[in-house]
Structures are given as structure tokens and as C-alpha cells.
Amino acid sequence: MEIVHGGPTKPEIAAIALSKLDLSKNDVFADVGSGTGRISIMAAKVVRQVYAIDDREEAIIAARKNILDEKIDNIKLLLGEAPSVLDKLPQLDCAFVGGTRNIEDVLHILKKKVKGRIVVNAVRIQTVSTIIETMQELDIFQEAIHVQVSKNYPLAGEIIFKPLNPVYILVGTTDHKKEE
């Protein structure tokens, strides 16, 4: 997986985030702040269409390479700021937000665009607070999950664990009937 600043999402974190999205084969999915495309690639193996959005050209280049390496053909890469790009997309079934720039604007647009689940990953506590408050104001907040993963590595012929940075996974839904 090609690396760019801010990514890629660790596979363990991606697995939890994607499980919270409850993806299905007919879904149209947006990956906002898609970076290297890890989430987009994983989702594309399940859903009908993925829109991968990032405002960094180096991220789009890395994602394109990773998508070609995986031989995935249902991901459309979109370069630009999320709010303006999201406005041009069709109705979505679910969305993942991996980048948190303009997060309040992004969440307001996603509330209108998404008929289902919205999952946001964040690492900074102030950002987590902003996301929860915004989701609550929009009446889409469902849950917040704090994930701490440790990975093994060898030391003196034995195995110990080193913790990775914790991640917060924030889950919302625009379809309240689905959650009841």
C-alpha cells in the first residue's frame, strides 16, 4: 500500500469502521479524505460504487496506484475539497470520513446526501468533540468508539507489544428507522 501523509488507515481500524457502515452489494459509498484508498478498496469489494475524495494530488496518485494493483474497477477518484465535491455526487447509502478538514461542513452535506450510515475516524480529542457535537446537532449521532490496538514485535528473542496511536470511530445515521 502506497503511503502518503496522514495514512493509510491501519487494517484493524479499517475493519471496525467498515463493520459499522454495514455495507451491502447495492450501496453507493463515499470515502471522504480517501488518502491512499485503503477504505475505498476494502469497501469496493462489497458495494456497487465508491467515490473516493481527497484534496491532495499525491493522495489521488497513491490511491490510483493501489486501486490498479488491486484490480478494482468500481472506484471513481475525485480530486477536490469535500464540500464542493460531495454536492455534485448522487444520493449515497453510506459514507466514511477519514480526513477531518471542514468536518462540520462535510457532516452537514452528508446528512442531506446519505440515506444510512456515516462513520468518521479521528485522532485528536478536540476534533472528536467537534464531530460528536455536530452529529448531535444534526440528530445523527449514534455512538463513539475508542480503539487502541497494539502490534507485536520481537525483543530479545521473545514477543512484546507496542501500542499504536488510539483512534476514535464516530458513528451516525440519517436513517433512524434502521437503528430502532
C-alpha atoms as a PDB file:
ATOM      1  CA  MET A   1       0.000   0.000   0.000  1.00  0.00           C
ATOM      2  CA  GLU A   2       1.475   3.322  -1.123  1.00  0.00           C
ATOM      3  CA  ILE A   3       1.964   5.738   1.834  1.00  0.00           C
ATOM      4  CA  VAL A   4       1.082   9.447   1.943  1.00  0.00           C
ATOM      5  CA  HIS A   5       0.966  11.856   4.876  1.00  0.00           C
ATOM      6  CA  GLY A   6      -1.997  11.024   7.125  1.00  0.00           C
ATOM      7  CA  GLY A   7      -2.480   7.421   6.055  1.00  0.00           C
ATOM      8  CA  PRO A   8      -3.164   4.733   5.357  1.00  0.00           C
ATOM      9  CA  THR A   9      -5.772   3.697   7.913  1.00  0.00           C
ATOM     10  CA  LYS A  10      -4.481   0.678   9.815  1.00  0.00           C
ATOM     11  CA  PRO A  11      -6.233  -2.548   8.688  1.00  0.00           C
ATOM     12  CA  GLU A  12      -7.599  -3.268  12.181  1.00  0.00           C
ATOM     13  CA  ILE A  13      -9.162   0.197  12.403  1.00  0.00           C
ATOM     14  CA  ALA A  14     -10.482  -0.062   8.840  1.00  0.00           C
ATOM     15  CA  ALA A  15     -12.168  -3.373   9.670  1.00  0.00           C
ATOM     16  CA  ILE A  16     -14.020  -1.867  12.626  1.00  0.00           C
ATOM     17  CA  ALA A  17     -15.021   1.286  10.713  1.00  0.00           C
ATOM     18  CA  LEU A  18     -16.302  -0.740   7.755  1.00  0.00           C
ATOM     19  CA  SER A  19     -18.245  -3.091  10.035  1.00  0.00           C
ATOM     20  CA  LYS A  20     -20.040  -0.054  11.490  1.00  0.00           C
ATOM     21  CA  LEU A  21     -21.038   1.026   7.964  1.00  0.00           C
ATOM     22  CA  ASP A  22     -22.989  -2.227   7.441  1.00  0.00           C
ATOM     23  CA  LEU A  23     -22.208  -2.229   3.709  1.00  0.00           C
ATOM     24  CA  SER A  24     -24.269  -4.143   1.162  1.00  0.00           C
ATOM     25  CA  LYS A  25     -23.784  -5.001  -2.514  1.00  0.00           C
ATOM     26  CA  ASN A  26     -26.080  -2.295  -3.933  1.00  0.00           C
ATOM     27  CA  ASP A  27     -24.664   0.554  -1.840  1.00  0.00           C
ATOM     28  CA  VAL A  28     -23.228   3.757  -3.268  1.00  0.00           C
ATOM     29  CA  PHE A  29     -20.433   4.778  -0.909  1.00  0.00           C
ATOM     30  CA  ALA A  30     -18.286   7.896  -0.433  1.00  0.00           C
ATOM     31  CA  ASP A  31     -14.827   7.872   1.135  1.00  0.00           C
ATOM     32  CA  VAL A  32     -14.092  11.456   2.170  1.00  0.00           C
ATOM     33  CA  GLY A  33     -10.395  12.141   2.727  1.00  0.00           C
ATOM     34  CA  SER A  34      -9.608   8.866   0.993  1.00  0.00           C
ATOM     35  CA  GLY A  35      -5.827   9.165   1.183  1.00  0.00           C
ATOM     36  CA  THR A  36      -4.161   6.024  -0.171  1.00  0.00           C
ATOM     37  CA  GLY A  37      -7.533   4.389  -0.863  1.00  0.00           C
ATOM     38  CA  ARG A  38      -7.419   1.572   1.717  1.00  0.00           C
ATOM     39  CA  ILE A  39     -11.015   2.147   2.886  1.00  0.00           C
ATOM     40  CA  SER A  40     -12.215   2.674  -0.701  1.00  0.00           C
ATOM     41  CA  ILE A  41     -10.582  -0.559  -1.857  1.00  0.00           C
ATOM     42  CA  MET A  42     -11.992  -2.574   1.044  1.00  0.00           C
ATOM     43  CA  ALA A  43     -15.475  -1.123   0.517  1.00  0.00           C
ATOM     44  CA  ALA A  44     -15.331  -1.614  -3.269  1.00  0.00           C
ATOM     45  CA  LYS A  45     -15.133  -5.361  -2.734  1.00  0.00           C
ATOM     46  CA  VAL A  46     -18.619  -5.188  -1.190  1.00  0.00           C
ATOM     47  CA  VAL A  47     -20.515  -2.208  -2.647  1.00  0.00           C
ATOM     48  CA  ARG A  48     -21.686  -1.267  -6.147  1.00  0.00           C
ATOM     49  CA  GLN A  49     -19.946   2.147  -6.437  1.00  0.00           C
ATOM     50  CA  VAL A  50     -17.297   4.052  -4.473  1.00  0.00           C
ATOM     51  CA  TYR A  51     -16.487   7.755  -4.750  1.00  0.00           C
ATOM     52  CA  ALA A  52     -13.026   8.396  -3.259  1.00  0.00           C
ATOM     53  CA  ILE A  53     -12.487  12.086  -2.496  1.00  0.00           C
ATOM     54  CA  ASP A  54      -9.238  13.782  -1.499  1.00  0.00           C
ATOM     55  CA  ASP A  55      -7.916  17.304  -1.966  1.00  0.00           C
ATOM     56  CA  ARG A  56      -4.259  16.219  -2.202  1.00  0.00           C
ATOM     57  CA  GLU A  57      -2.937  15.288  -5.623  1.00  0.00           C
ATOM     58  CA  GLU A  58      -0.302  12.973  -4.084  1.00  0.00           C
ATOM     59  CA  ALA A  59      -3.073  11.064  -2.300  1.00  0.00           C
ATOM     60  CA  ILE A  60      -5.042  10.613  -5.532  1.00  0.00           C
ATOM     61  CA  ILE A  61      -1.879   9.389  -7.309  1.00  0.00           C
ATOM     62  CA  ALA A  62      -1.137   6.898  -4.499  1.00  0.00           C
ATOM     63  CA  ALA A  63      -4.762   5.720  -4.416  1.00  0.00           C
ATOM     64  CA  ARG A  64      -4.832   5.261  -8.209  1.00  0.00           C
ATOM     65  CA  LYS A  65      -1.738   3.035  -7.994  1.00  0.00           C
ATOM     66  CA  ASN A  66      -3.210   0.999  -5.123  1.00  0.00           C
ATOM     67  CA  ILE A  67      -6.554   0.602  -6.925  1.00  0.00           C
ATOM     68  CA  LEU A  68      -4.792  -0.596 -10.101  1.00  0.00           C
ATOM     69  CA  ASP A  69      -2.651  -3.017  -8.062  1.00  0.00           C
ATOM     70  CA  GLU A  70      -5.848  -4.472  -6.538  1.00  0.00           C
ATOM     71  CA  LYS A  71      -7.596  -4.584  -9.945  1.00  0.00           C
ATOM     72  CA  ILE A  72     -10.637  -2.710  -8.634  1.00  0.00           C
ATOM     73  CA  ASP A  73     -12.934  -1.080 -11.217  1.00  0.00           C
ATOM     74  CA  ASN A  74     -15.810   0.447  -9.240  1.00  0.00           C
ATOM     75  CA  ILE A  75     -13.968   3.366  -7.591  1.00  0.00           C
ATOM     76  CA  LYS A  76     -14.150   6.872  -9.020  1.00  0.00           C
ATOM     77  CA  LEU A  77     -11.305   9.092  -7.750  1.00  0.00           C
ATOM     78  CA  LEU A  78     -12.254  12.743  -7.247  1.00  0.00           C
ATOM     79  CA  LEU A  79      -9.705  15.476  -6.553  1.00  0.00           C
ATOM     80  CA  GLY A  80     -11.047  18.464  -4.629  1.00  0.00           C
ATOM     81  CA  GLU A  81     -12.389  19.860  -1.374  1.00  0.00           C
ATOM     82  CA  ALA A  82     -15.008  17.538   0.089  1.00  0.00           C
ATOM     83  CA  PRO A  83     -17.894  20.005   0.496  1.00  0.00           C
ATOM     84  CA  SER A  84     -17.929  21.068  -3.171  1.00  0.00           C
ATOM     85  CA  VAL A  85     -17.260  17.545  -4.497  1.00  0.00           C
ATOM     86  CA  LEU A  86     -19.968  15.980  -2.297  1.00  0.00           C
ATOM     87  CA  ASP A  87     -22.520  18.492  -3.599  1.00  0.00           C
ATOM     88  CA  LYS A  88     -22.069  17.066  -7.127  1.00  0.00           C
ATOM     89  CA  LEU A  89     -22.499  13.396  -6.167  1.00  0.00           C
ATOM     90  CA  PRO A  90     -25.728  11.403  -6.427  1.00  0.00           C
ATOM     91  CA  GLN A  91     -27.574  10.219  -3.310  1.00  0.00           C
ATOM     92  CA  LEU A  92     -25.352   7.992  -1.143  1.00  0.00           C
ATOM     93  CA  ASP A  93     -26.172   4.976   1.000  1.00  0.00           C
ATOM     94  CA  CYS A  94     -23.216   5.429   3.338  1.00  0.00           C
ATOM     95  CA  ALA A  95     -20.052   7.444   3.834  1.00  0.00           C
ATOM     96  CA  PHE A  96     -16.729   7.190   5.614  1.00  0.00           C
ATOM     97  CA  VAL A  97     -14.773  10.297   6.596  1.00  0.00           C
ATOM     98  CA  GLY A  98     -11.072   9.766   7.157  1.00  0.00           C
ATOM     99  CA  GLY A  99      -9.997  13.390   6.832  1.00  0.00           C
ATOM    100  CA  THR A 100     -11.389  15.959   9.243  1.00  0.00           C
ATOM    101  CA  ARG A 101     -10.716  19.269   7.479  1.00  0.00           C
ATOM    102  CA  ASN A 102     -14.023  21.177   7.115  1.00  0.00           C
ATOM    103  CA  ILE A 103     -15.664  18.417   9.174  1.00  0.00           C
ATOM    104  CA  GLU A 104     -18.679  20.477  10.217  1.00  0.00           C
ATOM    105  CA  ASP A 105     -19.463  21.442   6.600  1.00  0.00           C
ATOM    106  CA  VAL A 106     -18.851  17.859   5.469  1.00  0.00           C
ATOM    107  CA  LEU A 107     -21.252  16.454   8.081  1.00  0.00           C
ATOM    108  CA  HIS A 108     -23.975  18.964   7.129  1.00  0.00           C
ATOM    109  CA  ILE A 109     -23.705  17.920   3.473  1.00  0.00           C
ATOM    110  CA  LEU A 110     -23.569  14.211   4.345  1.00  0.00           C
ATOM    111  CA  LYS A 111     -26.758  14.499   6.376  1.00  0.00           C
ATOM    112  CA  LYS A 112     -28.517  15.611   3.172  1.00  0.00           C
ATOM    113  CA  LYS A 113     -26.666  13.220   0.805  1.00  0.00           C
ATOM    114  CA  VAL A 114     -26.582   9.981   2.817  1.00  0.00           C
ATOM    115  CA  LYS A 115     -29.534   7.678   3.443  1.00  0.00           C
ATOM    116  CA  GLY A 116     -27.913   5.481   6.071  1.00  0.00           C
ATOM    117  CA  ARG A 117     -24.645   5.303   7.977  1.00  0.00           C
ATOM    118  CA  ILE A 118     -21.853   7.847   8.338  1.00  0.00           C
ATOM    119  CA  VAL A 119     -18.613   6.815  10.046  1.00  0.00           C
ATOM    120  CA  VAL A 120     -15.846   9.268  10.910  1.00  0.00           C
ATOM    121  CA  ASN A 121     -12.353   8.373  12.154  1.00  0.00           C
ATOM    122  CA  ALA A 122     -10.478  10.950  14.214  1.00  0.00           C
ATOM    123  CA  VAL A 123      -7.356  11.011  16.380  1.00  0.00           C
ATOM    124  CA  ARG A 124      -7.413  14.459  18.028  1.00  0.00           C
ATOM    125  CA  ILE A 125      -9.707  14.804  21.053  1.00  0.00           C
ATOM    126  CA  GLN A 126     -10.814  18.336  20.120  1.00  0.00           C
ATOM    127  CA  THR A 127     -11.825  17.075  16.689  1.00  0.00           C
ATOM    128  CA  VAL A 128     -13.725  14.176  18.280  1.00  0.00           C
ATOM    129  CA  SER A 129     -15.623  16.653  20.442  1.00  0.00           C
ATOM    130  CA  THR A 130     -16.481  18.807  17.413  1.00  0.00           C
ATOM    131  CA  ILE A 131     -17.685  15.777  15.453  1.00  0.00           C
ATOM    132  CA  ILE A 132     -19.885  14.494  18.296  1.00  0.00           C
ATOM    133  CA  GLU A 133     -21.379  17.952  18.905  1.00  0.00           C
ATOM    134  CA  THR A 134     -22.069  18.435  15.183  1.00  0.00           C
ATOM    135  CA  MET A 135     -23.586  14.966  14.820  1.00  0.00           C
ATOM    136  CA  GLN A 136     -25.791  15.619  17.874  1.00  0.00           C
ATOM    137  CA  GLU A 137     -26.926  18.987  16.472  1.00  0.00           C
ATOM    138  CA  LEU A 138     -27.799  17.229  13.202  1.00  0.00           C
ATOM    139  CA  ASP A 139     -29.596  14.442  15.132  1.00  0.00           C
ATOM    140  CA  ILE A 140     -27.477  11.732  13.503  1.00  0.00           C
ATOM    141  CA  PHE A 141     -25.133  10.704  16.362  1.00  0.00           C
ATOM    142  CA  GLN A 142     -25.242   7.010  17.293  1.00  0.00           C
ATOM    143  CA  GLU A 143     -22.040   6.086  19.116  1.00  0.00           C
ATOM    144  CA  ALA A 144     -18.387   6.862  19.765  1.00  0.00           C
ATOM    145  CA  ILE A 145     -15.804   4.104  19.980  1.00  0.00           C
ATOM    146  CA  HIS A 146     -12.254   4.479  21.291  1.00  0.00           C
ATOM    147  CA  VAL A 147      -9.955   1.901  19.710  1.00  0.00           C
ATOM    148  CA  GLN A 148      -6.495   1.089  20.985  1.00  0.00           C
ATOM    149  CA  VAL A 149      -4.532  -1.512  19.026  1.00  0.00           C
ATOM    150  CA  SER A 150      -1.144  -2.946  19.913  1.00  0.00           C
ATOM    151  CA  LYS A 151       1.069  -4.782  17.439  1.00  0.00           C
ATOM    152  CA  ASN A 152       3.683  -7.372  18.301  1.00  0.00           C
ATOM    153  CA  TYR A 153       7.391  -7.084  17.598  1.00  0.00           C
ATOM    154  CA  PRO A 154      10.396  -9.172  18.645  1.00  0.00           C
ATOM    155  CA  LEU A 155      12.570  -8.220  21.605  1.00  0.00           C
ATOM    156  CA  ALA A 156      15.435 -10.363  22.901  1.00  0.00           C
ATOM    157  CA  GLY A 157      14.081 -13.439  21.139  1.00  0.00           C
ATOM    158  CA  GLU A 158      10.575 -13.011  22.565  1.00  0.00           C
ATOM    159  CA  ILE A 159       7.467 -11.067  21.598  1.00  0.00           C
ATOM    160  CA  ILE A 160       6.209  -7.836  23.143  1.00  0.00           C
ATOM    161  CA  PHE A 161       3.513  -5.400  22.075  1.00  0.00           C
ATOM    162  CA  LYS A 162       3.805  -1.756  21.089  1.00  0.00           C
ATOM    163  CA  PRO A 163       0.618   0.348  21.110  1.00  0.00           C
ATOM    164  CA  LEU A 164      -0.396   2.276  18.012  1.00  0.00           C
ATOM    165  CA  ASN A 165      -1.955   5.713  18.373  1.00  0.00           C
ATOM    166  CA  PRO A 166      -5.574   5.431  19.556  1.00  0.00           C
ATOM    167  CA  VAL A 167      -8.362   6.185  17.101  1.00  0.00           C
ATOM    168  CA  TYR A 168     -11.924   7.327  17.722  1.00  0.00           C
ATOM    169  CA  ILE A 169     -14.610   5.925  15.457  1.00  0.00           C
ATOM    170  CA  LEU A 170     -17.747   8.070  15.455  1.00  0.00           C
ATOM    171  CA  VAL A 171     -20.917   6.591  14.044  1.00  0.00           C
ATOM    172  CA  GLY A 172     -24.008   8.385  12.835  1.00  0.00           C
ATOM    173  CA  THR A 173     -27.092   7.511  10.854  1.00  0.00           C
ATOM    174  CA  THR A 174     -29.535   9.578   8.846  1.00  0.00           C
ATOM    175  CA  ASP A 175     -31.986   6.666   8.794  1.00  0.00           C
ATOM    176  CA  HIS A 176     -33.337   6.478  12.341  1.00  0.00           C
ATOM    177  CA  LYS A 177     -35.817   3.721  11.469  1.00  0.00           C
ATOM    178  CA  LYS A 178     -32.862   1.491  10.566  1.00  0.00           C
ATOM    179  CA  GLU A 179     -31.462   1.810  14.118  1.00  0.00           C
ATOM    180  CA  GLU A 180     -34.684   1.159  16.039  1.00  0.00           C
END
